[in-house]
Amino acid sequence: MRRIGREEVRMKKYVGIGVYDAVAEGNIAVYGKEEYVPEKVYRGDVPGEKARLEAAREAVREQLEKSRVRTLAEAGAEVARIFEVHKMLLDDGEFNGAIRLVIEREGVNAEYAVAVTAEGLADRFAALADECLKARAADIRDISRQLLACLQGSSCEKREMEVPGVICARDLTPGETASLDREKVLGIVTARGSLYSHMAILARARGIPAVVGVGEAFLEEAGEGTPVMVDGCTGEVYLYPDAETRTFLLRKMGEQQEEKRLLEALKGKADRTLDGRSIHICANIGGAEELEAVLLNDAAGIGLFRSEFLYLGRDTYPTEEEQFAAYRKVLEGMVGKRVIIRTLDIGGDKQADYFGLGKEENPAMGYRAIRICLTRPEIFKTQLRALYRASVYGRLGILFPMITGRAELEKALEICREVKEELSARGIPFSENVETGIMIETPAAAIISDRLAPLVDFFSVGTNDLTQFTLACDRQNPEVQPFADPRHEAVLRLIRMSAENARRHGIRIGICGELAADPELTETFLRMGIDELSVSPPLVLKLRAAVRSLDLARGKGER
């Protein structure tokens, strides 16, 4: 029980899905409880309603770009891609054509046309078997909500908060989540949502304690100013928390803050175990915009620069000069620390229409990555020229994805030699010390890693795809996720085999997939002989703490 004024109020507990492991306390700030459902109004002014629709689209487009830029700075290119997808959907010809057709045929208001079109299209996508396409339903609903808000004359994305509080909403669009003032938003609780929703991804990326999917009943109780505590670790939300619950959660919050303080103290410290084994803890990035986060978290280098993000969210191929500028910026910014840039990895779940890739039944195992580069050498050479030109500004490693055999690798290396010869003939400088490496992300590459090692300077294990291909579990299909165990002994054996062959041939081996951040496997990887672990920038210091706590001389032995 808790006393509010003269009244005794009983604590109420709700359980949802925790999406960021932190505790928050504050008073609720209600964010749009009522869901706007536009009425069908016969206006008869077709040109006027079309003009209103176009004005709303332009306003949403501007706000999406603001959200993209803001998210780039805070969370990096991969998370910011959410807004690139939304801009493409906003400009989708089928979507917009269908809305205009409703206005023309029925003479109705633009609000109704947007709502009925979006709901019909979203329902069609939600009914599809393909999980990537099914997820598009949520994107359509997000865009329609923003269009409707603009048509109503309200902000499409932002709510100003006068004092700090915990946001409570039925759901939030990505734009709304990105625009929240991080200094005033103590936490987020939504009635709807999932662990993998865009709102959840953005909350995690921005470090906001959040719980989603607590249910509609929560909205009935969560009034403006209601005291609340949010446990993003367990997914528990407490209205009017009693003294015992509050004491427990405040202690937990204090422990989290102390852990953060201790991690900050690790900046500048060596990535070395208690018994003296050194390892490089590096960062994964998707663009030059994330350089600040890499430096802020004191990474030993960049273990994976996903160059494909330079190709996404646009209508034409990036030019050589555009790529050169991005690569140069990162190489200069890392001041002599190694930067590994993966060559174009388009295809699979990363699509760009201007590539003209056909529809595939299984794109993850189809025409993608190095397969595109080797069959479209003009695209590959443009990227390689930009990379080699930028190499004089830092310490560069070039990484080839989706290698399955020696012939592919030899052809890729031959194209590299051709590019260097062309640059030499034109008198354009490049470094002679550029390293080359391959992703170990297919069982084929791991099994013949003894044959591939003599051709390169390093291996980088992509555990996400390696798990997918080894266990025959599509990464994009949630139905098979319970069977996609990245710690499966088959996956670990392939990694160990690759590490042994790398060591035998005197080359480095790192891990850049999600498994690199798994604290349960850090000791196992070090004992295998892994030289480098590359993770998202915010995880660098946490991984450093784990490495510095290990004593391999007195450890448990290989698992």
Protein backbone atom coordinates (compact mmCIF):
# COMPACT_ATOMS: atom_id res chain seq x y z
CA MET A 1 0.00 0.00 0.00
CA ARG A 2 1.14 3.55 -0.69
CA ARG A 3 -0.40 6.77 0.65
CA ILE A 4 -1.26 9.38 -1.99
CA GLY A 5 -2.45 12.43 -0.09
CA ARG A 6 -4.93 11.04 2.44
CA GLU A 7 -5.78 8.00 0.34
CA GLU A 8 -4.20 4.57 0.58
CA VAL A 9 -3.46 3.20 -2.91
CA ARG A 10 -2.56 -0.43 -3.55
CA MET A 11 0.40 -1.17 -5.79
CA LYS A 12 -0.45 -2.67 -9.19
CA LYS A 13 1.98 -4.79 -11.16
CA TYR A 14 1.99 -5.35 -14.94
CA VAL A 15 4.31 -7.58 -16.91
CA GLY A 16 5.43 -7.05 -20.47
CA ILE A 17 8.68 -7.50 -22.39
CA GLY A 18 11.79 -5.71 -21.18
CA VAL A 19 13.73 -4.22 -24.09
CA TYR A 20 16.54 -2.37 -22.29
CA ASP A 21 18.15 -3.67 -19.12
CA ALA A 22 17.81 -0.72 -16.78
CA VAL A 23 15.47 0.56 -14.05
CA ALA A 24 13.55 3.82 -14.18
CA GLU A 25 11.42 5.70 -11.65
CA GLY A 26 9.18 8.71 -12.18
CA ASN A 27 5.67 9.93 -12.85
CA ILE A 28 3.74 8.94 -15.95
CA ALA A 29 3.51 11.28 -18.91
CA VAL A 30 0.63 10.04 -21.07
CA TYR A 31 1.42 10.06 -24.79
CA GLY A 32 -1.76 9.97 -26.87
CA LYS A 33 -3.96 7.36 -25.21
CA GLU A 34 -6.75 7.64 -27.77
CA GLU A 35 -6.17 6.12 -31.18
CA TYR A 36 -7.41 8.47 -33.89
CA VAL A 37 -9.88 6.81 -36.29
CA PRO A 38 -10.89 9.31 -39.00
CA GLU A 39 -14.50 9.59 -40.08
CA LYS A 40 -15.52 9.26 -43.70
CA VAL A 41 -16.42 12.75 -44.89
CA TYR A 42 -17.65 13.51 -48.43
CA ARG A 43 -15.74 16.65 -49.40
CA GLY A 44 -16.11 16.63 -53.19
CA ASP A 45 -12.93 18.74 -53.49
CA VAL A 46 -10.62 16.16 -55.06
CA PRO A 47 -7.79 18.59 -56.01
CA GLY A 48 -7.91 20.18 -52.54
CA GLU A 49 -7.72 16.82 -50.73
CA LYS A 50 -4.86 15.69 -52.97
CA ALA A 51 -3.02 18.91 -52.16
CA ARG A 52 -3.55 18.34 -48.43
CA LEU A 53 -2.23 14.79 -48.82
CA GLU A 54 0.89 15.99 -50.67
CA ALA A 55 1.56 18.65 -48.01
CA ALA A 56 1.28 16.03 -45.28
CA ARG A 57 3.63 13.70 -47.16
CA GLU A 58 6.20 16.49 -47.48
CA ALA A 59 5.97 17.28 -43.76
CA VAL A 60 6.41 13.60 -42.83
CA ARG A 61 9.35 13.30 -45.22
CA GLU A 62 11.12 16.24 -43.52
CA GLN A 63 10.50 14.77 -40.08
CA LEU A 64 11.75 11.33 -41.13
CA GLU A 65 14.98 12.92 -42.32
CA LYS A 66 15.36 14.75 -38.99
CA SER A 67 14.80 11.46 -37.17
CA ARG A 68 17.31 9.70 -39.42
CA VAL A 69 20.01 12.29 -38.77
CA ARG A 70 19.31 12.31 -35.03
CA THR A 71 19.43 8.51 -34.88
CA LEU A 72 22.64 8.36 -36.94
CA ALA A 73 24.37 10.48 -34.31
CA GLU A 74 23.01 8.54 -31.35
CA ALA A 75 22.74 4.94 -32.55
CA GLY A 76 24.52 4.52 -35.87
CA ALA A 77 23.70 3.79 -39.48
CA GLU A 78 22.13 0.35 -39.00
CA VAL A 79 19.43 1.64 -36.63
CA ALA A 80 18.95 4.83 -38.67
CA ARG A 81 18.10 2.67 -41.69
CA ILE A 82 14.62 2.31 -40.16
CA PHE A 83 13.88 5.84 -41.37
CA GLU A 84 15.33 5.20 -44.82
CA VAL A 85 12.88 2.31 -45.18
CA HIS A 86 10.03 4.55 -44.03
CA LYS A 87 10.97 7.26 -46.55
CA MET A 88 10.94 4.69 -49.34
CA LEU A 89 7.52 3.49 -48.20
CA LEU A 90 6.22 7.07 -47.98
CA ASP A 91 7.19 7.54 -51.64
CA ASP A 92 5.97 4.12 -52.75
CA GLY A 93 3.94 4.51 -55.95
CA GLU A 94 1.45 1.75 -55.16
CA PHE A 95 0.71 3.09 -51.68
CA ASN A 96 0.26 6.71 -52.78
CA GLY A 97 -1.62 5.76 -55.92
CA ALA A 98 -4.12 3.74 -53.90
CA ILE A 99 -4.74 6.68 -51.52
CA ARG A 100 -5.31 9.11 -54.39
CA LEU A 101 -7.64 6.62 -56.08
CA VAL A 102 -9.88 6.50 -52.98
CA ILE A 103 -10.03 10.31 -52.94
CA GLU A 104 -10.87 10.44 -56.66
CA ARG A 105 -13.48 7.66 -56.72
CA GLU A 106 -15.28 8.51 -53.49
CA GLY A 107 -14.67 12.25 -53.14
CA VAL A 108 -13.74 11.73 -49.49
CA ASN A 109 -11.37 13.45 -47.08
CA ALA A 110 -7.66 12.59 -47.26
CA GLU A 111 -7.65 11.30 -43.66
CA TYR A 112 -10.14 8.56 -44.45
CA ALA A 113 -8.37 7.66 -47.69
CA VAL A 114 -5.04 7.25 -45.87
CA ALA A 115 -6.56 5.18 -43.05
CA VAL A 116 -8.54 2.76 -45.22
CA THR A 117 -5.70 2.30 -47.72
CA ALA A 118 -3.04 1.76 -45.05
CA GLU A 119 -5.14 -0.73 -43.11
CA GLY A 120 -5.90 -2.77 -46.22
CA LEU A 121 -2.26 -2.83 -47.33
CA ALA A 122 -1.02 -3.61 -43.82
CA ASP A 123 -3.45 -6.52 -43.51
CA ARG A 124 -2.18 -7.94 -46.82
CA PHE A 125 1.42 -7.82 -45.65
CA ALA A 126 0.56 -9.23 -42.22
CA ALA A 127 -0.98 -12.29 -43.89
CA LEU A 128 2.17 -13.18 -45.85
CA ALA A 129 4.39 -16.10 -44.86
CA ASP A 130 7.69 -14.26 -45.44
CA GLU A 131 8.66 -12.65 -42.11
CA CYS A 132 10.53 -9.75 -43.73
CA LEU A 133 7.45 -8.81 -45.74
CA LYS A 134 5.15 -9.45 -42.78
CA ALA A 135 7.11 -6.89 -40.74
CA ARG A 136 6.28 -4.28 -43.39
CA ALA A 137 2.74 -4.13 -41.97
CA ALA A 138 3.99 -2.27 -38.89
CA ASP A 139 5.93 0.16 -41.11
CA ILE A 140 2.79 0.95 -43.11
CA ARG A 141 0.79 1.62 -39.94
CA ASP A 142 3.56 3.85 -38.58
CA ILE A 143 3.65 5.95 -41.74
CA SER A 144 -0.14 6.24 -41.86
CA ARG A 145 -0.23 7.45 -38.23
CA GLN A 146 2.25 10.19 -39.08
CA LEU A 147 0.31 11.21 -42.19
CA LEU A 148 -2.91 11.34 -40.19
CA ALA A 149 -1.32 13.47 -37.48
CA CYS A 150 -0.08 15.97 -40.07
CA LEU A 151 -3.46 16.04 -41.81
CA GLN A 152 -5.04 16.81 -38.44
CA GLY A 153 -2.64 19.72 -38.01
CA SER A 154 -0.72 18.20 -35.10
CA SER A 155 2.95 17.24 -34.94
CA CYS A 156 3.74 14.03 -36.75
CA GLU A 157 6.36 13.05 -34.27
CA LYS A 158 7.08 15.14 -31.21
CA ARG A 159 5.62 15.77 -27.80
CA GLU A 160 7.36 18.32 -25.58
CA MET A 161 7.79 17.33 -21.91
CA GLU A 162 7.97 20.08 -19.33
CA VAL A 163 9.41 17.86 -16.60
CA PRO A 164 11.13 14.45 -16.64
CA GLY A 165 8.78 11.48 -16.66
CA VAL A 166 8.01 7.96 -17.88
CA ILE A 167 6.27 7.93 -21.25
CA CYS A 168 3.11 5.79 -21.34
CA ALA A 169 1.48 5.06 -24.71
CA ARG A 170 -0.51 2.50 -26.64
CA ASP A 171 2.45 2.38 -29.03
CA LEU A 172 5.06 4.74 -30.46
CA THR A 173 6.20 5.23 -34.02
CA PRO A 174 9.96 5.20 -34.73
CA GLY A 175 9.78 8.97 -35.36
CA GLU A 176 8.11 9.58 -32.00
CA THR A 177 10.69 7.42 -30.22
CA ALA A 178 13.63 9.09 -31.94
CA SER A 179 12.33 12.58 -31.16
CA LEU A 180 11.88 12.02 -27.41
CA ASP A 181 14.09 14.27 -25.30
CA ARG A 182 16.55 11.80 -23.73
CA GLU A 183 17.21 14.21 -20.86
CA LYS A 184 13.55 14.18 -19.85
CA VAL A 185 12.40 10.69 -20.82
CA LEU A 186 13.17 8.47 -17.83
CA GLY A 187 11.54 5.38 -19.32
CA ILE A 188 8.91 4.08 -21.75
CA VAL A 189 5.96 1.72 -21.23
CA THR A 190 3.69 0.71 -24.13
CA ALA A 191 0.57 -1.43 -24.20
CA ARG A 192 1.58 -2.94 -27.55
CA GLY A 193 4.84 -3.83 -29.24
CA SER A 194 7.40 -6.61 -29.39
CA LEU A 195 11.06 -7.13 -28.62
CA TYR A 196 11.94 -6.59 -32.28
CA SER A 197 9.65 -3.65 -33.05
CA HIS A 198 11.28 -0.48 -34.35
CA MET A 199 10.29 1.35 -31.19
CA ALA A 200 12.08 -1.30 -29.07
CA ILE A 201 15.19 -1.17 -31.28
CA LEU A 202 15.37 2.61 -30.96
CA ALA A 203 14.77 2.57 -27.20
CA ARG A 204 17.65 0.10 -26.77
CA ALA A 205 19.90 2.12 -29.05
CA ARG A 206 19.14 5.33 -27.11
CA GLY A 207 19.61 3.64 -23.72
CA ILE A 208 16.05 4.25 -22.50
CA PRO A 209 14.66 1.77 -19.90
CA ALA A 210 11.61 0.37 -21.65
CA VAL A 211 8.91 -2.30 -21.37
CA VAL A 212 6.53 -3.11 -24.24
CA GLY A 213 3.40 -5.23 -24.56
CA VAL A 214 1.99 -4.71 -21.04
CA GLY A 215 -1.59 -4.84 -22.37
CA GLU A 216 -4.45 -2.43 -22.90
CA ALA A 217 -5.61 -2.67 -19.26
CA PHE A 218 -2.51 -0.75 -18.21
CA LEU A 219 -3.74 2.31 -20.12
CA GLU A 220 -6.89 2.46 -17.99
CA GLU A 221 -4.87 2.77 -14.79
CA ALA A 222 -1.90 4.82 -16.02
CA GLY A 223 -3.09 8.38 -15.52
CA GLU A 224 -1.00 11.50 -15.97
CA GLY A 225 1.35 11.91 -13.01
CA THR A 226 0.86 8.39 -11.63
CA PRO A 227 4.00 7.19 -9.76
CA VAL A 228 5.62 4.29 -11.63
CA MET A 229 8.75 2.14 -11.61
CA VAL A 230 9.93 0.30 -14.71
CA ASP A 231 12.25 -2.71 -14.68
CA GLY A 232 13.55 -3.09 -18.23
CA CYS A 233 15.44 -6.22 -17.18
CA THR A 234 12.42 -8.30 -16.14
CA GLY A 235 9.66 -6.50 -18.04
CA GLU A 236 7.84 -5.62 -14.79
CA VAL A 237 6.04 -2.29 -14.33
CA TYR A 238 4.73 -1.10 -10.94
CA LEU A 239 2.11 1.61 -10.48
CA TYR A 240 2.18 3.14 -6.99
CA PRO A 241 5.17 0.94 -5.96
CA ASP A 242 5.17 0.03 -2.27
CA ALA A 243 8.15 0.67 0.00
CA GLU A 244 9.58 -2.85 -0.31
CA THR A 245 9.42 -2.87 -4.14
CA ARG A 246 10.82 0.64 -4.36
CA THR A 247 13.74 -0.19 -2.07
CA PHE A 248 14.58 -3.30 -4.10
CA LEU A 249 14.44 -1.51 -7.45
CA LEU A 250 16.35 1.55 -6.24
CA ARG A 251 19.12 -0.78 -5.04
CA LYS A 252 19.11 -2.43 -8.44
CA MET A 253 19.27 1.00 -10.11
CA GLY A 254 22.23 1.95 -7.92
CA GLU A 255 24.07 -1.23 -8.86
CA GLN A 256 23.53 -0.47 -12.55
CA GLN A 257 24.86 3.06 -12.14
CA GLU A 258 27.90 1.77 -10.24
CA GLU A 259 28.56 -0.77 -13.00
CA LYS A 260 28.41 2.06 -15.56
CA ARG A 261 30.89 4.10 -13.47
CA LEU A 262 33.29 1.15 -13.27
CA LEU A 263 33.07 0.60 -17.01
CA GLU A 264 33.94 4.25 -17.64
CA ALA A 265 37.05 3.74 -15.52
CA LEU A 266 38.21 1.06 -17.98
CA LYS A 267 38.82 3.58 -20.75
CA GLY A 268 42.49 3.54 -21.64
CA LYS A 269 43.04 0.15 -19.99
CA ALA A 270 44.52 -2.82 -21.86
CA ASP A 271 42.38 -5.62 -23.28
CA ARG A 272 44.35 -8.24 -21.36
CA THR A 273 43.46 -11.16 -19.10
CA LEU A 274 44.80 -11.49 -15.55
CA ASP A 275 47.44 -13.95 -16.77
CA GLY A 276 48.62 -11.63 -19.55
CA ARG A 277 46.80 -12.85 -22.68
CA SER A 278 46.07 -9.85 -24.94
CA ILE A 279 43.13 -9.53 -27.32
CA HIS A 280 41.81 -6.69 -29.46
CA ILE A 281 38.28 -5.53 -28.61
CA CYS A 282 37.02 -3.59 -31.61
CA ALA A 283 33.78 -2.03 -32.80
CA ASN A 284 31.32 -2.79 -35.60
CA ILE A 285 29.92 0.19 -37.50
CA GLY A 286 27.69 0.88 -40.50
CA GLY A 287 29.01 4.30 -41.50
CA ALA A 288 31.40 7.16 -40.79
CA GLU A 289 28.69 8.74 -38.61
CA GLU A 290 29.41 6.15 -35.89
CA LEU A 291 33.05 7.12 -35.52
CA GLU A 292 32.28 9.28 -32.48
CA ALA A 293 30.71 6.31 -30.65
CA VAL A 294 33.76 4.13 -31.45
CA LEU A 295 36.14 6.72 -30.01
CA LEU A 296 33.89 7.45 -27.02
CA ASN A 297 33.91 3.76 -26.05
CA ASP A 298 37.69 3.42 -26.55
CA ALA A 299 37.63 0.55 -29.07
CA ALA A 300 40.99 -0.88 -30.17
CA GLY A 301 39.96 -0.47 -33.79
CA ILE A 302 37.09 -1.10 -36.16
CA GLY A 303 36.63 -4.81 -36.70
CA LEU A 304 33.78 -4.43 -39.19
CA PHE A 305 32.73 -1.45 -41.30
CA ARG A 306 29.58 -2.58 -43.13
CA SER A 307 30.09 -0.70 -46.39
CA GLU A 308 26.72 -1.81 -47.79
CA PHE A 309 25.01 0.96 -45.82
CA LEU A 310 26.58 3.42 -48.26
CA TYR A 311 24.46 1.74 -50.95
CA LEU A 312 21.15 1.55 -49.08
CA GLY A 313 18.41 4.17 -48.84
CA ARG A 314 19.23 5.80 -52.18
CA ASP A 315 18.27 5.55 -55.85
CA THR A 316 21.70 5.25 -57.50
CA TYR A 317 25.09 3.68 -56.84
CA PRO A 318 27.36 5.71 -54.56
CA THR A 319 30.16 7.27 -56.57
CA GLU A 320 33.83 6.51 -56.07
CA GLU A 321 34.28 9.96 -54.54
CA GLU A 322 31.42 9.47 -52.07
CA GLN A 323 32.89 6.18 -50.92
CA PHE A 324 36.44 7.55 -50.79
CA ALA A 325 35.30 10.41 -48.53
CA ALA A 326 33.55 8.03 -46.10
CA TYR A 327 36.48 5.58 -45.93
CA ARG A 328 39.02 8.39 -45.55
CA LYS A 329 37.05 9.98 -42.71
CA VAL A 330 37.03 6.74 -40.69
CA LEU A 331 40.67 5.87 -41.39
CA GLU A 332 41.85 9.33 -40.40
CA GLY A 333 39.59 9.37 -37.35
CA MET A 334 41.00 6.11 -36.00
CA VAL A 335 44.51 7.59 -36.02
CA GLY A 336 46.52 4.52 -36.97
CA LYS A 337 44.23 1.90 -35.41
CA ARG A 338 43.21 -0.90 -37.78
CA VAL A 339 39.98 -0.40 -39.74
CA ILE A 340 38.51 -3.47 -41.46
CA ILE A 341 36.06 -2.55 -44.21
CA ARG A 342 33.85 -5.28 -45.61
CA THR A 343 33.21 -5.03 -49.33
CA LEU A 344 29.68 -4.71 -50.63
CA ASP A 345 27.30 -7.19 -48.95
CA ILE A 346 24.06 -6.35 -50.76
CA GLY A 347 21.45 -9.05 -51.19
CA GLY A 348 19.70 -11.32 -48.71
CA ASP A 349 17.90 -9.05 -46.24
CA LYS A 350 19.64 -5.91 -47.58
CA GLN A 351 18.02 -4.88 -50.85
CA ALA A 352 18.48 -1.84 -53.11
CA ASP A 353 16.08 -1.62 -56.06
CA TYR A 354 18.57 0.00 -58.43
CA PHE A 355 20.71 -3.16 -58.36
CA GLY A 356 17.93 -4.85 -60.31
CA LEU A 357 18.15 -8.08 -58.32
CA GLY A 358 15.40 -10.56 -59.14
CA LYS A 359 13.10 -12.09 -56.55
CA GLU A 360 14.57 -15.22 -54.98
CA GLU A 361 12.95 -17.98 -52.96
CA ASN A 362 15.89 -18.03 -50.54
CA PRO A 363 17.82 -14.75 -50.88
CA ALA A 364 20.10 -15.45 -47.89
CA MET A 365 21.68 -18.25 -49.91
CA GLY A 366 21.29 -16.57 -53.28
CA TYR A 367 22.84 -13.89 -55.45
CA ARG A 368 24.51 -11.65 -52.89
CA ALA A 369 27.74 -10.20 -51.52
CA ILE A 370 30.93 -11.40 -53.28
CA ARG A 371 28.81 -13.17 -55.90
CA ILE A 372 27.48 -9.81 -57.11
CA CYS A 373 30.95 -8.23 -56.96
CA LEU A 374 32.60 -10.97 -59.03
CA THR A 375 29.89 -10.97 -61.71
CA ARG A 376 29.59 -7.16 -61.82
CA PRO A 377 33.26 -6.17 -61.63
CA GLU A 378 32.57 -2.54 -62.56
CA ILE A 379 30.73 -2.10 -59.22
CA PHE A 380 33.46 -3.96 -57.34
CA LYS A 381 36.29 -2.00 -58.94
CA THR A 382 34.66 1.33 -58.10
CA GLN A 383 34.59 0.34 -54.43
CA LEU A 384 38.11 -1.07 -54.46
CA ARG A 385 39.52 2.09 -56.06
CA ALA A 386 37.92 4.16 -53.29
CA LEU A 387 39.30 1.79 -50.65
CA TYR A 388 42.86 1.74 -51.97
CA ARG A 389 42.90 5.52 -52.46
CA ALA A 390 41.75 5.97 -48.85
CA SER A 391 44.36 3.49 -47.56
CA VAL A 392 47.08 6.18 -47.40
CA TYR A 393 45.14 7.84 -44.57
CA GLY A 394 45.25 4.97 -42.09
CA ARG A 395 45.63 1.25 -41.48
CA LEU A 396 43.20 -0.57 -43.75
CA GLY A 397 42.02 -4.15 -43.99
CA ILE A 398 39.69 -5.24 -46.82
CA LEU A 399 37.27 -8.03 -45.95
CA PHE A 400 35.47 -10.20 -48.55
CA PRO A 401 32.05 -11.62 -47.49
CA MET A 402 30.39 -14.94 -48.40
CA ILE A 403 33.53 -16.72 -49.62
CA THR A 404 32.96 -20.46 -50.11
CA GLY A 405 36.03 -21.56 -52.07
CA ARG A 406 39.53 -20.75 -53.30
CA ALA A 407 38.41 -19.85 -56.84
CA GLU A 408 36.20 -16.99 -55.59
CA LEU A 409 38.94 -15.68 -53.33
CA GLU A 410 41.62 -15.90 -56.02
CA LYS A 411 39.38 -13.99 -58.45
CA ALA A 412 38.68 -11.28 -55.84
CA LEU A 413 42.41 -10.91 -55.14
CA GLU A 414 43.13 -10.74 -58.88
CA ILE A 415 40.67 -7.86 -59.24
CA CYS A 416 42.44 -6.13 -56.33
CA ARG A 417 45.75 -6.46 -58.22
CA GLU A 418 44.15 -5.03 -61.37
CA VAL A 419 42.86 -2.03 -59.43
CA LYS A 420 46.27 -1.36 -57.89
CA GLU A 421 47.91 -1.56 -61.33
CA GLU A 422 45.35 0.91 -62.71
CA LEU A 423 45.99 3.34 -59.84
CA SER A 424 49.76 3.03 -60.29
CA ALA A 425 49.44 3.73 -64.01
CA ARG A 426 47.49 6.90 -63.22
CA GLY A 427 49.96 8.00 -60.55
CA ILE A 428 47.39 7.76 -57.76
CA PRO A 429 48.98 6.84 -54.40
CA PHE A 430 47.81 3.93 -52.23
CA SER A 431 49.31 1.98 -49.35
CA GLU A 432 51.25 -1.20 -50.09
CA ASN A 433 50.37 -2.49 -46.62
CA VAL A 434 46.62 -3.04 -47.08
CA GLU A 435 45.64 -6.38 -45.57
CA THR A 436 43.02 -8.67 -47.09
CA GLY A 437 40.78 -11.13 -45.28
CA ILE A 438 37.64 -13.19 -45.63
CA MET A 439 34.49 -13.75 -43.66
CA ILE A 440 34.14 -17.23 -42.25
CA GLU A 441 30.35 -17.29 -42.44
CA THR A 442 29.67 -20.47 -44.40
CA PRO A 443 30.47 -24.02 -43.30
CA ALA A 444 32.39 -24.40 -46.59
CA ALA A 445 34.79 -21.60 -45.65
CA ALA A 446 35.37 -23.06 -42.19
CA ILE A 447 35.93 -26.59 -43.49
CA ILE A 448 38.52 -25.51 -46.06
CA SER A 449 39.98 -22.72 -43.91
CA ASP A 450 43.34 -24.52 -44.12
CA ARG A 451 43.26 -23.96 -47.90
CA LEU A 452 42.09 -20.34 -47.65
CA ALA A 453 44.44 -19.16 -44.91
CA PRO A 454 47.61 -19.05 -47.07
CA LEU A 455 45.90 -16.53 -49.42
CA VAL A 456 44.92 -13.88 -46.84
CA ASP A 457 46.13 -11.94 -43.81
CA PHE A 458 43.16 -12.56 -41.52
CA PHE A 459 39.84 -14.34 -40.95
CA SER A 460 36.73 -12.70 -39.51
CA VAL A 461 33.99 -15.06 -38.29
CA GLY A 462 30.45 -13.88 -39.04
CA THR A 463 28.57 -15.95 -36.48
CA ASN A 464 25.09 -14.77 -37.54
CA ASP A 465 25.28 -16.30 -41.01
CA LEU A 466 27.50 -19.17 -39.87
CA THR A 467 24.77 -20.21 -37.42
CA GLN A 468 22.07 -19.78 -40.06
CA PHE A 469 23.81 -21.92 -42.65
CA THR A 470 25.15 -24.56 -40.26
CA LEU A 471 21.82 -25.20 -38.54
CA ALA A 472 19.59 -24.59 -41.61
CA CYS A 473 17.66 -21.90 -39.69
CA ASP A 474 16.59 -18.79 -41.58
CA ARG A 475 17.59 -15.72 -39.55
CA GLN A 476 14.48 -13.87 -40.73
CA ASN A 477 12.01 -16.57 -39.66
CA PRO A 478 10.96 -16.29 -35.98
CA GLU A 479 9.31 -19.73 -36.14
CA VAL A 480 12.72 -21.43 -36.27
CA GLN A 481 14.53 -19.17 -33.80
CA PRO A 482 14.16 -21.71 -30.95
CA PHE A 483 16.25 -24.09 -33.09
CA ALA A 484 18.89 -21.51 -34.07
CA ASP A 485 21.26 -21.91 -31.13
CA PRO A 486 24.45 -19.92 -31.88
CA ARG A 487 26.20 -21.90 -29.11
CA HIS A 488 25.46 -25.18 -30.88
CA GLU A 489 28.46 -27.49 -30.77
CA ALA A 490 28.58 -27.64 -34.58
CA VAL A 491 28.96 -23.85 -34.80
CA LEU A 492 31.64 -23.80 -32.10
CA ARG A 493 33.54 -26.66 -33.76
CA LEU A 494 33.63 -24.76 -37.05
CA ILE A 495 34.95 -21.66 -35.27
CA ARG A 496 37.60 -23.74 -33.46
CA MET A 497 38.63 -25.39 -36.72
CA SER A 498 39.05 -21.99 -38.36
CA ALA A 499 41.05 -20.67 -35.40
CA GLU A 500 43.40 -23.66 -35.48
CA ASN A 501 44.01 -23.23 -39.20
CA ALA A 502 44.56 -19.48 -38.80
CA ARG A 503 47.14 -20.11 -36.08
CA ARG A 504 48.82 -22.85 -38.12
CA HIS A 505 49.31 -20.45 -41.03
CA GLY A 506 50.26 -17.43 -38.95
CA ILE A 507 47.26 -15.21 -39.66
CA ARG A 508 44.86 -13.40 -37.30
CA ILE A 509 41.28 -14.47 -36.62
CA GLY A 510 38.50 -12.36 -35.14
CA ILE A 511 34.76 -12.70 -34.50
CA CYS A 512 32.46 -9.89 -35.60
CA GLY A 513 29.01 -11.51 -35.29
CA GLU A 514 26.62 -11.17 -32.34
CA LEU A 515 28.30 -14.10 -30.60
CA ALA A 516 31.36 -11.92 -30.00
CA ALA A 517 29.40 -10.11 -27.28
CA ASP A 518 28.22 -13.30 -25.52
CA PRO A 519 29.85 -13.23 -22.04
CA GLU A 520 29.29 -16.97 -21.66
CA LEU A 521 31.66 -17.60 -24.57
CA THR A 522 34.41 -15.01 -24.02
CA GLU A 523 36.70 -17.46 -22.23
CA THR A 524 35.95 -20.19 -24.77
CA PHE A 525 36.93 -17.91 -27.66
CA LEU A 526 40.17 -16.84 -26.01
CA ARG A 527 41.11 -20.46 -25.38
CA MET A 528 40.40 -21.25 -29.03
CA GLY A 529 43.01 -18.67 -30.00
CA ILE A 530 40.68 -15.91 -31.20
CA ASP A 531 42.71 -12.68 -31.53
CA GLU A 532 39.92 -10.13 -31.86
CA LEU A 533 36.31 -9.64 -30.78
CA SER A 534 34.32 -6.92 -32.53
CA VAL A 535 31.01 -5.71 -31.10
CA SER A 536 28.71 -2.68 -31.27
CA PRO A 537 30.42 0.38 -29.72
CA PRO A 538 28.35 0.48 -26.47
CA LEU A 539 29.45 -3.09 -25.63
CA VAL A 540 33.21 -2.53 -25.91
CA LEU A 541 33.82 -1.60 -22.26
CA LYS A 542 31.57 -4.35 -20.91
CA LEU A 543 33.52 -6.90 -22.94
CA ARG A 544 36.80 -5.38 -21.76
CA ALA A 545 35.67 -5.88 -18.17
CA ALA A 546 34.89 -9.54 -18.91
CA VAL A 547 38.29 -10.13 -20.53
CA ARG A 548 40.19 -8.43 -17.69
CA SER A 549 38.43 -10.66 -15.12
CA LEU A 550 39.63 -13.91 -16.74
CA ASP A 551 42.63 -15.95 -15.64
CA LEU A 552 43.22 -18.49 -18.39
CA ALA A 553 46.08 -20.09 -16.46
CA ARG A 554 43.64 -21.07 -13.70
CA GLY A 555 40.43 -21.25 -15.80
CA LYS A 556 37.96 -24.01 -16.35
CA GLY A 557 39.55 -25.33 -19.50
CA GLU A 558 38.13 -25.44 -22.97
CA ARG A 559 34.39 -26.03 -23.22
